[in-house]
Amino acid sequence: MTIILLKFKDRVISETNLGRTVLTIGRDRGSDIKIDNSAVSGTHATIWQEGENIIIKDADSTNGTYFKGQ
């Protein structure tokens, strides 16, 4: 089971089980992983698991989506 941790500095804000579905990340109330920050678009990105790989895809957000600085 893959757990997605939403963290701010060293504090865990939330934990979400990735499971076998596509999760949405964003500021909108209906987002699976909700981030209340003006730098985050309403629908910012999606994330899912394919086999051993975790895929994150930007949803044409205003500020882009970065993982490990890329």
N, C-alpha and C. Protein backbone atom coordinates (compact mmCIF):
# COMPACT_ATOMS: atom_id res chain seq x y z
N MET A 1 0.85 -1.18 0.00
CA MET A 1 0.00 0.00 0.00
C MET A 1 0.90 1.24 0.00
N THR A 2 0.59 2.18 -0.87
CA THR A 2 1.35 3.42 -0.97
C THR A 2 0.59 4.54 -0.28
N ILE A 3 1.27 5.24 0.61
CA ILE A 3 0.67 6.36 1.34
C ILE A 3 1.32 7.66 0.84
N ILE A 4 0.50 8.64 0.49
CA ILE A 4 0.98 9.96 0.10
C ILE A 4 0.92 10.85 1.34
N LEU A 5 2.05 11.43 1.71
CA LEU A 5 2.11 12.34 2.85
C LEU A 5 2.15 13.77 2.34
N LEU A 6 1.25 14.61 2.82
CA LEU A 6 1.29 16.04 2.56
C LEU A 6 1.97 16.66 3.76
N LYS A 7 3.14 17.28 3.52
CA LYS A 7 3.93 17.82 4.63
C LYS A 7 4.19 19.31 4.43
N PHE A 8 4.33 20.01 5.53
CA PHE A 8 4.80 21.38 5.54
C PHE A 8 5.96 21.41 6.52
N LYS A 9 7.15 21.69 5.99
CA LYS A 9 8.39 21.58 6.77
C LYS A 9 8.46 20.16 7.31
N ASP A 10 8.55 19.95 8.59
CA ASP A 10 8.64 18.60 9.15
C ASP A 10 7.30 18.07 9.65
N ARG A 11 6.24 18.81 9.46
CA ARG A 11 4.93 18.42 10.00
C ARG A 11 4.07 17.76 8.93
N VAL A 12 3.51 16.59 9.24
CA VAL A 12 2.60 15.89 8.33
C VAL A 12 1.22 16.53 8.48
N ILE A 13 0.71 17.04 7.35
CA ILE A 13 -0.61 17.69 7.32
C ILE A 13 -1.71 16.66 7.09
N SER A 14 -1.45 15.73 6.16
CA SER A 14 -2.44 14.68 5.89
C SER A 14 -1.75 13.46 5.30
N GLU A 15 -2.45 12.33 5.38
CA GLU A 15 -2.01 11.07 4.78
C GLU A 15 -3.14 10.55 3.90
N THR A 16 -2.81 10.13 2.68
CA THR A 16 -3.81 9.61 1.75
C THR A 16 -3.30 8.31 1.16
N ASN A 17 -4.14 7.29 1.16
CA ASN A 17 -3.82 6.01 0.56
C ASN A 17 -3.96 6.14 -0.96
N LEU A 18 -2.89 5.88 -1.70
CA LEU A 18 -2.94 6.01 -3.16
C LEU A 18 -3.83 4.94 -3.77
N GLY A 19 -3.77 3.74 -3.29
CA GLY A 19 -4.64 2.68 -3.79
C GLY A 19 -4.49 2.47 -5.29
N ARG A 20 -5.57 2.16 -5.96
CA ARG A 20 -5.54 1.86 -7.38
C ARG A 20 -6.28 2.89 -8.22
N THR A 21 -6.54 4.05 -7.66
CA THR A 21 -7.29 5.06 -8.38
C THR A 21 -6.41 6.27 -8.69
N VAL A 22 -6.92 7.14 -9.54
CA VAL A 22 -6.25 8.40 -9.83
C VAL A 22 -6.75 9.42 -8.82
N LEU A 23 -5.84 10.08 -8.12
CA LEU A 23 -6.20 11.10 -7.14
C LEU A 23 -5.93 12.48 -7.73
N THR A 24 -6.78 13.43 -7.37
CA THR A 24 -6.57 14.82 -7.79
C THR A 24 -5.91 15.59 -6.64
N ILE A 25 -5.04 16.52 -7.02
CA ILE A 25 -4.37 17.40 -6.07
C ILE A 25 -4.74 18.81 -6.44
N GLY A 26 -5.18 19.61 -5.48
CA GLY A 26 -5.51 20.99 -5.80
C GLY A 26 -6.15 21.73 -4.64
N ARG A 27 -6.54 22.95 -4.95
CA ARG A 27 -7.16 23.82 -3.95
C ARG A 27 -8.67 23.64 -3.87
N ASP A 28 -9.28 23.08 -4.93
CA ASP A 28 -10.74 22.89 -4.94
C ASP A 28 -11.21 21.99 -3.82
N ARG A 29 -12.38 22.26 -3.33
CA ARG A 29 -12.98 21.50 -2.24
C ARG A 29 -13.07 20.01 -2.56
N GLY A 30 -13.32 19.65 -3.81
CA GLY A 30 -13.48 18.25 -4.21
C GLY A 30 -12.18 17.51 -4.46
N SER A 31 -11.04 18.14 -4.29
CA SER A 31 -9.75 17.47 -4.52
C SER A 31 -9.53 16.37 -3.50
N ASP A 32 -8.94 15.28 -3.97
CA ASP A 32 -8.62 14.18 -3.05
C ASP A 32 -7.53 14.59 -2.07
N ILE A 33 -6.54 15.32 -2.58
CA ILE A 33 -5.49 15.87 -1.73
C ILE A 33 -5.62 17.38 -1.84
N LYS A 34 -6.21 18.00 -0.82
CA LYS A 34 -6.52 19.43 -0.84
C LYS A 34 -5.38 20.22 -0.21
N ILE A 35 -4.90 21.22 -0.97
CA ILE A 35 -3.83 22.10 -0.49
C ILE A 35 -4.35 23.52 -0.51
N ASP A 36 -4.56 24.09 0.65
CA ASP A 36 -5.12 25.43 0.77
C ASP A 36 -3.99 26.46 0.71
N ASN A 37 -3.56 26.76 -0.52
CA ASN A 37 -2.47 27.70 -0.73
C ASN A 37 -2.71 28.37 -2.07
N SER A 38 -2.57 29.69 -2.15
CA SER A 38 -2.88 30.42 -3.37
C SER A 38 -1.93 30.07 -4.53
N ALA A 39 -0.78 29.46 -4.25
CA ALA A 39 0.13 29.04 -5.32
C ALA A 39 -0.32 27.75 -5.98
N VAL A 40 -1.32 27.09 -5.41
CA VAL A 40 -1.84 25.82 -5.92
C VAL A 40 -3.12 26.10 -6.70
N SER A 41 -3.20 25.57 -7.92
CA SER A 41 -4.40 25.75 -8.75
C SER A 41 -5.56 24.95 -8.19
N GLY A 42 -6.77 25.30 -8.62
CA GLY A 42 -7.95 24.57 -8.19
C GLY A 42 -7.81 23.08 -8.44
N THR A 43 -7.50 22.73 -9.68
CA THR A 43 -7.09 21.37 -10.03
C THR A 43 -5.67 21.49 -10.50
N HIS A 44 -4.73 21.05 -9.69
CA HIS A 44 -3.32 21.30 -9.94
C HIS A 44 -2.63 20.13 -10.64
N ALA A 45 -2.89 18.91 -10.17
CA ALA A 45 -2.22 17.73 -10.72
C ALA A 45 -3.02 16.48 -10.39
N THR A 46 -2.65 15.40 -11.05
CA THR A 46 -3.20 14.09 -10.71
C THR A 46 -2.03 13.17 -10.39
N ILE A 47 -2.31 12.14 -9.59
CA ILE A 47 -1.28 11.19 -9.19
C ILE A 47 -1.91 9.80 -9.14
N TRP A 48 -1.14 8.81 -9.63
CA TRP A 48 -1.62 7.44 -9.62
C TRP A 48 -0.42 6.49 -9.64
N GLN A 49 -0.71 5.21 -9.41
CA GLN A 49 0.33 4.21 -9.39
C GLN A 49 0.13 3.26 -10.55
N GLU A 50 1.23 2.98 -11.27
CA GLU A 50 1.25 1.98 -12.34
C GLU A 50 2.32 0.96 -11.98
N GLY A 51 1.90 -0.18 -11.51
CA GLY A 51 2.87 -1.19 -11.06
C GLY A 51 3.67 -0.65 -9.90
N GLU A 52 4.99 -0.60 -10.05
CA GLU A 52 5.87 -0.09 -9.02
C GLU A 52 6.10 1.42 -9.14
N ASN A 53 5.61 2.03 -10.21
CA ASN A 53 5.86 3.45 -10.49
C ASN A 53 4.73 4.34 -9.98
N ILE A 54 5.10 5.50 -9.46
CA ILE A 54 4.14 6.54 -9.08
C ILE A 54 4.22 7.62 -10.16
N ILE A 55 3.09 7.95 -10.75
CA ILE A 55 3.03 8.94 -11.83
C ILE A 55 2.31 10.18 -11.31
N ILE A 56 2.93 11.34 -11.52
CA ILE A 56 2.27 12.60 -11.20
C ILE A 56 2.24 13.42 -12.47
N LYS A 57 1.07 13.99 -12.79
CA LYS A 57 0.90 14.74 -14.03
C LYS A 57 0.30 16.10 -13.71
N ASP A 58 0.96 17.14 -14.16
CA ASP A 58 0.44 18.49 -13.99
C ASP A 58 -0.85 18.64 -14.79
N ALA A 59 -1.81 19.35 -14.25
CA ALA A 59 -3.11 19.56 -14.91
C ALA A 59 -3.16 20.96 -15.52
N ASP A 60 -2.09 21.35 -16.22
CA ASP A 60 -1.98 22.69 -16.81
C ASP A 60 -2.14 23.76 -15.74
N SER A 61 -1.55 23.53 -14.58
CA SER A 61 -1.64 24.48 -13.48
C SER A 61 -0.85 25.75 -13.81
N THR A 62 -1.18 26.83 -13.15
CA THR A 62 -0.52 28.11 -13.38
C THR A 62 0.96 28.06 -13.02
N ASN A 63 1.30 27.45 -11.90
CA ASN A 63 2.67 27.46 -11.40
C ASN A 63 3.45 26.18 -11.67
N GLY A 64 2.85 25.21 -12.32
CA GLY A 64 3.55 23.97 -12.64
C GLY A 64 3.63 23.03 -11.45
N THR A 65 4.10 21.82 -11.74
CA THR A 65 4.25 20.79 -10.72
C THR A 65 5.68 20.28 -10.77
N TYR A 66 6.32 20.22 -9.62
CA TYR A 66 7.72 19.83 -9.54
C TYR A 66 7.88 18.67 -8.58
N PHE A 67 8.80 17.79 -8.91
CA PHE A 67 9.15 16.68 -8.04
C PHE A 67 10.67 16.64 -7.97
N LYS A 68 11.19 16.74 -6.76
CA LYS A 68 12.64 16.77 -6.53
C LYS A 68 13.31 17.83 -7.41
N GLY A 69 12.69 18.99 -7.52
CA GLY A 69 13.25 20.12 -8.22
C GLY A 69 13.09 20.10 -9.73
N GLN A 70 12.42 19.10 -10.26
CA GLN A 70 12.24 19.00 -11.72
C GLN A 70 10.78 19.08 -12.08
